[in-house]
Amino acid sequence: MGRTTTNGQLSADTQERAREGVEHLQTAARELIEAARAALDVAEEWVNDPESVASLAGTLMSVGDVARRVVGTGGWPQPQHAPSAHQPSPYEAEPRVQRITVS
């Protein structure tokens, strides 16, 4: 753990390092509290302004759409005039499951 004196007490050096560690933790905790307060202030503004809530909801829906397209669960709309031979679109997701016939 740390150096101790003959009577079992922590050395002055170890006590100083422990004190510095506690000060760093206190500073970090204060910063976290300040960040939480700022986030709560923003949340309160959103709740008090219905237009900003609607705007946030629209933004989140757009982000969800993009995420679905990226992971391949939503997909991009297929063109109405599909070519006769299937040409994979650059936006088309690779199949996630490959079936292998075993004989």
C-alpha atoms as a PDB file:
ATOM      1  CA  MET A   1       0.000   0.000   0.000  1.00  0.00           C
ATOM      2  CA  GLY A   2       2.363   2.746   1.114  1.00  0.00           C
ATOM      3  CA  ARG A   3       5.289   3.273   3.379  1.00  0.00           C
ATOM      4  CA  THR A   4       4.558   3.246   7.068  1.00  0.00           C
ATOM      5  CA  THR A   5       6.535   4.442  10.018  1.00  0.00           C
ATOM      6  CA  THR A   6       7.601   2.173  12.857  1.00  0.00           C
ATOM      7  CA  ASN A   7       4.428   2.959  14.812  1.00  0.00           C
ATOM      8  CA  GLY A   8       2.187   1.848  11.912  1.00  0.00           C
ATOM      9  CA  GLN A   9       1.272   5.333  10.635  1.00  0.00           C
ATOM     10  CA  LEU A  10       1.533   6.289   6.955  1.00  0.00           C
ATOM     11  CA  SER A  11       4.624   8.252   6.045  1.00  0.00           C
ATOM     12  CA  ALA A  12       4.299  11.973   5.359  1.00  0.00           C
ATOM     13  CA  ASP A  13       4.994  11.359   1.649  1.00  0.00           C
ATOM     14  CA  THR A  14       2.217   8.764   1.411  1.00  0.00           C
ATOM     15  CA  GLN A  15      -0.211  10.995   3.302  1.00  0.00           C
ATOM     16  CA  GLU A  16       0.558  13.884   0.920  1.00  0.00           C
ATOM     17  CA  ARG A  17      -0.031  11.699  -2.158  1.00  0.00           C
ATOM     18  CA  ALA A  18      -3.314  10.450  -0.666  1.00  0.00           C
ATOM     19  CA  ARG A  19      -4.412  14.047   0.019  1.00  0.00           C
ATOM     20  CA  GLU A  20      -3.593  15.030  -3.576  1.00  0.00           C
ATOM     21  CA  GLY A  21      -5.560  12.061  -4.868  1.00  0.00           C
ATOM     22  CA  VAL A  22      -8.607  13.083  -2.836  1.00  0.00           C
ATOM     23  CA  GLU A  23      -8.312  16.653  -4.145  1.00  0.00           C
ATOM     24  CA  HIS A  24      -8.266  15.397  -7.747  1.00  0.00           C
ATOM     25  CA  LEU A  25     -11.347  13.256  -7.093  1.00  0.00           C
ATOM     26  CA  GLN A  26     -13.149  16.228  -5.547  1.00  0.00           C
ATOM     27  CA  THR A  27     -12.301  18.401  -8.562  1.00  0.00           C
ATOM     28  CA  ALA A  28     -13.576  15.717 -10.936  1.00  0.00           C
ATOM     29  CA  ALA A  29     -16.788  15.342  -8.933  1.00  0.00           C
ATOM     30  CA  ARG A  30     -17.383  19.115  -9.037  1.00  0.00           C
ATOM     31  CA  GLU A  31     -16.913  19.106 -12.828  1.00  0.00           C
ATOM     32  CA  LEU A  32     -19.378  16.224 -13.202  1.00  0.00           C
ATOM     33  CA  ILE A  33     -21.925  18.098 -11.090  1.00  0.00           C
ATOM     34  CA  GLU A  34     -21.434  21.224 -13.211  1.00  0.00           C
ATOM     35  CA  ALA A  35     -21.900  19.214 -16.421  1.00  0.00           C
ATOM     36  CA  ALA A  36     -25.061  17.600 -15.053  1.00  0.00           C
ATOM     37  CA  ARG A  37     -26.473  21.013 -14.151  1.00  0.00           C
ATOM     38  CA  ALA A  38     -25.775  22.286 -17.670  1.00  0.00           C
ATOM     39  CA  ALA A  39     -27.498  19.226 -19.176  1.00  0.00           C
ATOM     40  CA  LEU A  40     -30.507  19.738 -16.901  1.00  0.00           C
ATOM     41  CA  ASP A  41     -30.712  23.409 -17.939  1.00  0.00           C
ATOM     42  CA  VAL A  42     -30.828  22.375 -21.595  1.00  0.00           C
ATOM     43  CA  ALA A  43     -33.444  19.696 -20.845  1.00  0.00           C
ATOM     44  CA  GLU A  44     -35.566  22.269 -19.009  1.00  0.00           C
ATOM     45  CA  GLU A  45     -35.415  24.614 -22.008  1.00  0.00           C
ATOM     46  CA  TRP A  46     -36.541  21.798 -24.298  1.00  0.00           C
ATOM     47  CA  VAL A  47     -39.462  20.943 -22.021  1.00  0.00           C
ATOM     48  CA  ASN A  48     -40.541  24.587 -21.798  1.00  0.00           C
ATOM     49  CA  ASP A  49     -40.353  25.156 -25.579  1.00  0.00           C
ATOM     50  CA  PRO A  50     -42.601  22.753 -27.555  1.00  0.00           C
ATOM     51  CA  GLU A  51     -41.007  23.760 -30.881  1.00  0.00           C
ATOM     52  CA  SER A  52     -37.558  22.698 -29.692  1.00  0.00           C
ATOM     53  CA  VAL A  53     -38.992  19.357 -28.524  1.00  0.00           C
ATOM     54  CA  ALA A  54     -40.510  18.811 -31.967  1.00  0.00           C
ATOM     55  CA  SER A  55     -37.217  19.770 -33.586  1.00  0.00           C
ATOM     56  CA  LEU A  56     -35.316  17.341 -31.347  1.00  0.00           C
ATOM     57  CA  ALA A  57     -37.794  14.570 -32.142  1.00  0.00           C
ATOM     58  CA  GLY A  58     -37.365  15.205 -35.880  1.00  0.00           C
ATOM     59  CA  THR A  59     -33.592  15.125 -35.527  1.00  0.00           C
ATOM     60  CA  LEU A  60     -33.698  11.872 -33.577  1.00  0.00           C
ATOM     61  CA  MET A  61     -35.973  10.317 -36.207  1.00  0.00           C
ATOM     62  CA  SER A  62     -33.530  11.324 -38.945  1.00  0.00           C
ATOM     63  CA  VAL A  63     -30.625   9.835 -37.008  1.00  0.00           C
ATOM     64  CA  GLY A  64     -32.643   6.640 -36.521  1.00  0.00           C
ATOM     65  CA  ASP A  65     -33.340   6.453 -40.265  1.00  0.00           C
ATOM     66  CA  VAL A  66     -29.664   6.790 -41.086  1.00  0.00           C
ATOM     67  CA  ALA A  67     -28.741   4.175 -38.474  1.00  0.00           C
ATOM     68  CA  ARG A  68     -31.263   1.684 -39.905  1.00  0.00           C
ATOM     69  CA  ARG A  69     -29.859   2.218 -43.395  1.00  0.00           C
ATOM     70  CA  VAL A  70     -26.301   1.757 -42.202  1.00  0.00           C
ATOM     71  CA  VAL A  71     -27.035  -1.559 -40.479  1.00  0.00           C
ATOM     72  CA  GLY A  72     -29.178  -2.736 -43.367  1.00  0.00           C
ATOM     73  CA  THR A  73     -32.549  -3.064 -41.643  1.00  0.00           C
ATOM     74  CA  GLY A  74     -34.201  -0.099 -43.339  1.00  0.00           C
ATOM     75  CA  GLY A  75     -32.590   0.022 -46.736  1.00  0.00           C
ATOM     76  CA  TRP A  76     -32.760   2.634 -49.434  1.00  0.00           C
ATOM     77  CA  PRO A  77     -35.823   2.649 -51.683  1.00  0.00           C
ATOM     78  CA  GLN A  78     -35.366   0.525 -54.802  1.00  0.00           C
ATOM     79  CA  PRO A  79     -35.675   2.289 -58.168  1.00  0.00           C
ATOM     80  CA  GLN A  80     -38.933   1.706 -60.050  1.00  0.00           C
ATOM     81  CA  HIS A  81     -37.114   0.670 -63.233  1.00  0.00           C
ATOM     82  CA  ALA A  82     -35.005  -2.254 -62.027  1.00  0.00           C
ATOM     83  CA  PRO A  83     -32.584  -3.717 -64.610  1.00  0.00           C
ATOM     84  CA  SER A  84     -33.300  -7.175 -65.963  1.00  0.00           C
ATOM     85  CA  ALA A  85     -30.202  -8.743 -64.374  1.00  0.00           C
ATOM     86  CA  HIS A  86     -29.881  -7.925 -60.700  1.00  0.00           C
ATOM     87  CA  GLN A  87     -27.069  -5.418 -60.222  1.00  0.00           C
ATOM     88  CA  PRO A  88     -26.460  -4.781 -56.499  1.00  0.00           C
ATOM     89  CA  SER A  89     -26.770  -1.142 -55.594  1.00  0.00           C
ATOM     90  CA  PRO A  90     -23.831   0.447 -53.764  1.00  0.00           C
ATOM     91  CA  TYR A  91     -26.342   1.183 -50.996  1.00  0.00           C
ATOM     92  CA  GLU A  92     -27.610  -2.391 -50.796  1.00  0.00           C
ATOM     93  CA  ALA A  93     -26.482  -4.231 -47.674  1.00  0.00           C
ATOM     94  CA  GLU A  94     -24.693  -7.540 -47.935  1.00  0.00           C
ATOM     95  CA  PRO A  95     -26.810 -10.450 -46.696  1.00  0.00           C
ATOM     96  CA  ARG A  96     -26.133 -11.210 -43.053  1.00  0.00           C
ATOM     97  CA  VAL A  97     -26.803 -14.941 -43.352  1.00  0.00           C
ATOM     98  CA  GLN A  98     -25.305 -17.150 -45.983  1.00  0.00           C
ATOM     99  CA  ARG A  99     -27.041 -20.464 -46.590  1.00  0.00           C
ATOM    100  CA  ILE A 100     -24.715 -23.354 -47.376  1.00  0.00           C
ATOM    101  CA  THR A 101     -26.144 -26.576 -48.735  1.00  0.00           C
ATOM    102  CA  VAL A 102     -24.542 -29.656 -47.199  1.00  0.00           C
ATOM    103  CA  SER A 103     -24.804 -32.917 -49.133  1.00  0.00           C
END
